[in-house]
Protein backbone atom coordinates (compact mmCIF):
# COMPACT_ATOMS: atom_id res chain seq x y z
CA UNK A 1 130.55 56.22 18.76
CA UNK A 2 133.32 57.63 20.56
CA UNK A 3 136.57 55.57 21.15
CA UNK A 4 137.60 55.55 24.81
CA UNK A 5 140.19 53.09 26.67
CA UNK A 6 138.89 51.68 29.68
CA UNK A 7 139.06 48.66 31.88
CA UNK A 8 136.88 46.34 34.21
CA UNK A 9 138.07 44.55 37.01
CA UNK A 10 136.43 42.11 38.84
CA UNK A 11 135.99 42.23 42.53
CA UNK A 12 134.38 39.90 45.34
CA UNK A 13 132.71 42.90 46.93
CA UNK A 14 132.59 46.78 47.25
CA UNK A 15 134.85 48.18 50.28
CA UNK A 16 133.16 49.48 52.98
CA UNK A 17 132.97 53.58 53.55
CA UNK A 18 135.44 55.02 55.83
CA UNK A 19 134.29 57.47 58.30
CA UNK A 20 136.25 60.49 59.31
CA UNK A 21 136.59 60.12 63.26
CA UNK A 22 136.36 63.41 64.82
CA UNK A 23 136.66 66.79 63.27
CA UNK A 24 139.73 69.39 63.05
CA UNK A 25 137.07 71.55 64.88
CA UNK A 26 137.01 69.10 68.05
CA UNK A 27 140.42 70.46 69.55
CA UNK A 28 139.10 73.63 69.45
CA UNK A 29 135.77 72.44 71.65
CA UNK A 30 138.09 70.68 74.00
CA UNK A 31 140.18 73.63 74.62
CA UNK A 32 137.02 75.65 75.39
CA UNK A 33 135.78 73.19 77.72
CA UNK A 34 139.13 72.49 79.36
CA UNK A 35 139.98 76.17 79.60
CA UNK A 36 138.73 78.37 82.39
CA UNK A 37 136.81 81.06 80.45
CA UNK A 38 132.86 80.81 80.07
CA UNK A 39 132.95 83.33 76.92
CA UNK A 40 135.64 83.30 74.25
CA UNK A 41 135.73 84.89 70.86
CA UNK A 42 136.87 82.44 68.28
CA UNK A 43 138.65 83.32 65.27
CA UNK A 44 140.14 80.90 62.55
CA UNK A 45 142.13 81.96 59.80
CA UNK A 46 140.47 81.92 56.50
CA UNK A 47 137.31 81.05 58.08
CA UNK A 48 133.78 83.69 57.75
CA UNK A 49 132.66 83.68 61.01
CA UNK A 50 128.84 82.02 59.75
CA UNK A 51 130.72 79.25 58.31
CA UNK A 52 132.80 78.42 61.79
CA UNK A 53 129.62 78.60 63.52
CA UNK A 54 127.71 76.22 61.53
CA UNK A 55 130.79 73.68 61.59
CA UNK A 56 131.27 74.43 65.52
CA UNK A 57 127.77 73.60 65.88
CA UNK A 58 127.73 70.38 63.97
CA UNK A 59 130.43 69.30 66.01
CA UNK A 60 128.50 70.56 69.37
CA UNK A 61 125.52 68.48 68.24
CA UNK A 62 127.31 65.31 67.19
CA UNK A 63 129.34 65.12 70.28
CA UNK A 64 125.98 65.82 72.44
CA UNK A 65 127.71 69.12 74.01
CA UNK A 66 124.63 71.02 73.15
CA UNK A 67 123.87 71.33 77.02
CA UNK A 68 127.23 72.62 77.99
CA UNK A 69 128.30 74.90 74.78
CA UNK A 70 126.64 77.59 72.95
CA UNK A 71 127.78 79.34 69.91
CA UNK A 72 126.94 82.37 68.13
CA UNK A 73 127.90 85.17 65.67
CA UNK A 74 127.63 89.00 66.80
CA UNK A 75 128.78 91.52 64.27
CA UNK A 76 130.57 88.93 62.15
CA UNK A 77 132.29 87.58 65.09
CA UNK A 78 132.14 84.06 66.42
CA UNK A 79 131.81 83.12 70.44
CA UNK A 80 131.48 80.15 72.10
CA UNK A 81 129.59 80.38 75.28
CA UNK A 82 128.98 77.68 78.31
CA UNK A 83 125.48 77.00 79.76
């Protein structure tokens, strides 16, 4: 057996898991919805177009905006479009 140092500490109960409220992509979606354009090209530094599409789609679905906004990738560019 190996010798390891450890410490056990009694606790009354496990802490509740903390969820992040919102997303760093929410301001991007909000800017599009508040803006005048029906179609915009989205670029994010260091983010692949398909990765960006996936993250935006998750937030659109989570916020129940799929009837208002559509996200797509064409020629390695991400686009947001109003429905």
